[in-house]
């Protein structure tokens, strides 16, 4: 990766943590600090919450999220885009407003069961 700023570090930390790799998320956090990047609340909240979740501390996860909500700390939702037949489609995590949302989730469900080498 060419540029490692707060956004890229936080994305790596979030990715590891949200997929059950809390220890790897903590290692990336340590590397970020050693690289001289100062964390912000967007870095701390997923790190704490996802690390707790990765070791099954669900009560602590809920408490972390409750406190974050009380402090009005919000995480920017994830988003992605794809191009199909020359048209770019954007998607925001948790947004169900697309007119084909049910079809989209049905296809995603099918893809999640496919072997990675087939995708």
C-alpha atoms as a PDB file:
ATOM      1  CA  UNK A   1       0.000   0.000   0.000  1.00  0.00           C
ATOM      2  CA  UNK A   2       1.490   3.314  -1.055  1.00  0.00           C
ATOM      3  CA  UNK A   3      -0.327   5.670   1.306  1.00  0.00           C
ATOM      4  CA  UNK A   4      -0.937   4.725   4.910  1.00  0.00           C
ATOM      5  CA  UNK A   5      -2.964   7.447   6.576  1.00  0.00           C
ATOM      6  CA  UNK A   6      -5.630   7.363   9.293  1.00  0.00           C
ATOM      7  CA  UNK A   7      -8.228   6.172   6.775  1.00  0.00           C
ATOM      8  CA  UNK A   8      -6.213   3.237   5.449  1.00  0.00           C
ATOM      9  CA  UNK A   9      -5.036   2.165   8.914  1.00  0.00           C
ATOM     10  CA  UNK A  10      -8.557   2.372  10.336  1.00  0.00           C
ATOM     11  CA  UNK A  11      -9.896   0.406   7.365  1.00  0.00           C
ATOM     12  CA  UNK A  12      -7.383  -2.374   7.979  1.00  0.00           C
ATOM     13  CA  UNK A  13      -8.153  -2.410  11.707  1.00  0.00           C
ATOM     14  CA  UNK A  14     -11.896  -2.472  11.032  1.00  0.00           C
ATOM     15  CA  UNK A  15     -11.551  -5.223   8.436  1.00  0.00           C
ATOM     16  CA  UNK A  16      -9.599  -7.531  10.727  1.00  0.00           C
ATOM     17  CA  UNK A  17     -11.809  -6.821  13.729  1.00  0.00           C
ATOM     18  CA  UNK A  18     -15.131  -7.210  11.970  1.00  0.00           C
ATOM     19  CA  UNK A  19     -14.070 -10.600  10.615  1.00  0.00           C
ATOM     20  CA  UNK A  20     -13.163 -12.033  14.015  1.00  0.00           C
ATOM     21  CA  UNK A  21      -9.432 -11.297  13.916  1.00  0.00           C
ATOM     22  CA  UNK A  22      -9.193  -9.084  16.997  1.00  0.00           C
ATOM     23  CA  UNK A  23      -5.536  -9.872  17.648  1.00  0.00           C
ATOM     24  CA  UNK A  24      -4.579  -8.909  14.089  1.00  0.00           C
ATOM     25  CA  UNK A  25      -6.585  -5.684  14.501  1.00  0.00           C
ATOM     26  CA  UNK A  26      -4.609  -4.888  17.656  1.00  0.00           C
ATOM     27  CA  UNK A  27      -1.335  -5.589  15.857  1.00  0.00           C
ATOM     28  CA  UNK A  28      -2.312  -3.148  13.085  1.00  0.00           C
ATOM     29  CA  UNK A  29      -3.242  -0.566  15.721  1.00  0.00           C
ATOM     30  CA  UNK A  30       0.221  -0.943  17.268  1.00  0.00           C
ATOM     31  CA  UNK A  31       1.865  -0.589  13.850  1.00  0.00           C
ATOM     32  CA  UNK A  32      -0.220   2.520  13.161  1.00  0.00           C
ATOM     33  CA  UNK A  33       0.944   4.122  16.416  1.00  0.00           C
ATOM     34  CA  UNK A  34       4.567   3.197  15.680  1.00  0.00           C
ATOM     35  CA  UNK A  35       4.195   4.804  12.235  1.00  0.00           C
ATOM     36  CA  UNK A  36       3.277   8.073  13.938  1.00  0.00           C
ATOM     37  CA  UNK A  37      -0.412   8.073  12.970  1.00  0.00           C
ATOM     38  CA  UNK A  38      -2.686   9.363  15.737  1.00  0.00           C
ATOM     39  CA  UNK A  39      -5.929   7.413  16.137  1.00  0.00           C
ATOM     40  CA  UNK A  40      -9.292   9.139  16.254  1.00  0.00           C
ATOM     41  CA  UNK A  41     -12.675   8.024  17.606  1.00  0.00           C
ATOM     42  CA  UNK A  42     -13.452   6.276  14.328  1.00  0.00           C
ATOM     43  CA  UNK A  43     -10.339   4.152  14.919  1.00  0.00           C
ATOM     44  CA  UNK A  44     -10.981   3.416  18.592  1.00  0.00           C
ATOM     45  CA  UNK A  45     -14.640   2.411  18.455  1.00  0.00           C
ATOM     46  CA  UNK A  46     -14.384  -0.398  15.887  1.00  0.00           C
ATOM     47  CA  UNK A  47     -11.125  -1.572  17.436  1.00  0.00           C
ATOM     48  CA  UNK A  48     -12.656  -1.878  20.883  1.00  0.00           C
ATOM     49  CA  UNK A  49     -16.022  -3.226  19.773  1.00  0.00           C
ATOM     50  CA  UNK A  50     -14.668  -5.731  17.251  1.00  0.00           C
ATOM     51  CA  UNK A  51     -11.941  -6.949  19.589  1.00  0.00           C
ATOM     52  CA  UNK A  52     -14.545  -7.565  22.274  1.00  0.00           C
ATOM     53  CA  UNK A  53     -16.749  -9.372  19.761  1.00  0.00           C
ATOM     54  CA  UNK A  54     -13.893 -11.566  18.550  1.00  0.00           C
ATOM     55  CA  UNK A  55     -13.530 -13.023  22.062  1.00  0.00           C
ATOM     56  CA  UNK A  56     -17.274 -13.323  22.649  1.00  0.00           C
ATOM     57  CA  UNK A  57     -17.709 -10.400  25.058  1.00  0.00           C
ATOM     58  CA  UNK A  58     -21.128  -9.485  23.715  1.00  0.00           C
ATOM     59  CA  UNK A  59     -22.280  -7.552  26.796  1.00  0.00           C
ATOM     60  CA  UNK A  60     -19.186  -5.351  26.502  1.00  0.00           C
ATOM     61  CA  UNK A  61     -19.833  -4.869  22.778  1.00  0.00           C
ATOM     62  CA  UNK A  62     -23.333  -3.591  23.526  1.00  0.00           C
ATOM     63  CA  UNK A  63     -22.002  -1.305  26.271  1.00  0.00           C
ATOM     64  CA  UNK A  64     -19.353   0.134  23.936  1.00  0.00           C
ATOM     65  CA  UNK A  65     -21.979   0.794  21.287  1.00  0.00           C
ATOM     66  CA  UNK A  66     -24.361   2.304  23.858  1.00  0.00           C
ATOM     67  CA  UNK A  67     -21.710   4.709  25.147  1.00  0.00           C
ATOM     68  CA  UNK A  68     -20.736   5.642  21.583  1.00  0.00           C
ATOM     69  CA  UNK A  69     -24.374   6.361  20.800  1.00  0.00           C
ATOM     70  CA  UNK A  70     -24.784   8.483  23.947  1.00  0.00           C
ATOM     71  CA  UNK A  71     -21.695  10.471  22.971  1.00  0.00           C
ATOM     72  CA  UNK A  72     -23.173  10.878  19.471  1.00  0.00           C
ATOM     73  CA  UNK A  73     -20.126   9.183  17.949  1.00  0.00           C
ATOM     74  CA  UNK A  74     -21.072   7.743  14.610  1.00  0.00           C
ATOM     75  CA  UNK A  75     -19.214   5.512  12.248  1.00  0.00           C
ATOM     76  CA  UNK A  76     -19.445   6.386   8.589  1.00  0.00           C
ATOM     77  CA  UNK A  77     -21.183   3.467   6.852  1.00  0.00           C
ATOM     78  CA  UNK A  78     -19.220   1.401   4.378  1.00  0.00           C
ATOM     79  CA  UNK A  79     -19.929   1.779   0.690  1.00  0.00           C
ATOM     80  CA  UNK A  80     -18.979   0.244  -2.595  1.00  0.00           C
ATOM     81  CA  UNK A  81     -19.723   0.644  -6.260  1.00  0.00           C
ATOM     82  CA  UNK A  82     -19.789  -1.567  -9.316  1.00  0.00           C
ATOM     83  CA  UNK A  83     -20.036  -0.974 -13.032  1.00  0.00           C
ATOM     84  CA  UNK A  84     -22.504  -3.041 -15.012  1.00  0.00           C
ATOM     85  CA  UNK A  85     -23.249  -2.472 -18.678  1.00  0.00           C
ATOM     86  CA  UNK A  86     -21.562   0.940 -18.594  1.00  0.00           C
ATOM     87  CA  UNK A  87     -23.538   2.202 -15.589  1.00  0.00           C
ATOM     88  CA  UNK A  88     -21.958   2.767 -12.167  1.00  0.00           C
ATOM     89  CA  UNK A  89     -24.067   1.716  -9.183  1.00  0.00           C
ATOM     90  CA  UNK A  90     -23.246   2.864  -5.659  1.00  0.00           C
ATOM     91  CA  UNK A  91     -24.263   1.017  -2.505  1.00  0.00           C
ATOM     92  CA  UNK A  92     -24.161   2.143   1.128  1.00  0.00           C
ATOM     93  CA  UNK A  93     -24.137  -0.403   3.946  1.00  0.00           C
ATOM     94  CA  UNK A  94     -27.571  -0.799   5.459  1.00  0.00           C
ATOM     95  CA  UNK A  95     -29.353   1.245   2.793  1.00  0.00           C
ATOM     96  CA  UNK A  96     -32.373  -0.634   1.531  1.00  0.00           C
ATOM     97  CA  UNK A  97     -33.700   2.063  -0.786  1.00  0.00           C
ATOM     98  CA  UNK A  98     -32.532   0.575  -4.098  1.00  0.00           C
ATOM     99  CA  UNK A  99     -35.538  -0.537  -6.145  1.00  0.00           C
ATOM    100  CA  UNK A 100     -33.979  -3.993  -6.625  1.00  0.00           C
ATOM    101  CA  UNK A 101     -32.697  -4.466  -3.087  1.00  0.00           C
ATOM    102  CA  UNK A 102     -34.356  -7.870  -2.649  1.00  0.00           C
ATOM    103  CA  UNK A 103     -32.845  -9.190  -5.888  1.00  0.00           C
ATOM    104  CA  UNK A 104     -29.429  -7.818  -4.931  1.00  0.00           C
ATOM    105  CA  UNK A 105     -29.454  -9.547  -1.546  1.00  0.00           C
ATOM    106  CA  UNK A 106     -30.627 -12.785  -3.148  1.00  0.00           C
ATOM    107  CA  UNK A 107     -27.659 -12.733  -5.546  1.00  0.00           C
ATOM    108  CA  UNK A 108     -25.261 -11.869  -2.710  1.00  0.00           C
ATOM    109  CA  UNK A 109     -26.602 -14.791  -0.698  1.00  0.00           C
ATOM    110  CA  UNK A 110     -25.953 -17.129  -3.627  1.00  0.00           C
ATOM    111  CA  UNK A 111     -22.440 -15.723  -4.095  1.00  0.00           C
ATOM    112  CA  UNK A 112     -21.625 -16.226  -0.417  1.00  0.00           C
ATOM    113  CA  UNK A 113     -22.150 -19.982  -0.863  1.00  0.00           C
ATOM    114  CA  UNK A 114     -19.964 -20.280  -3.954  1.00  0.00           C
ATOM    115  CA  UNK A 115     -16.405 -21.478  -3.879  1.00  0.00           C
ATOM    116  CA  UNK A 116     -13.986 -18.501  -3.976  1.00  0.00           C
ATOM    117  CA  UNK A 117     -12.217 -19.813  -7.075  1.00  0.00           C
ATOM    118  CA  UNK A 118     -15.517 -19.660  -8.988  1.00  0.00           C
ATOM    119  CA  UNK A 119     -16.222 -16.019  -8.179  1.00  0.00           C
END
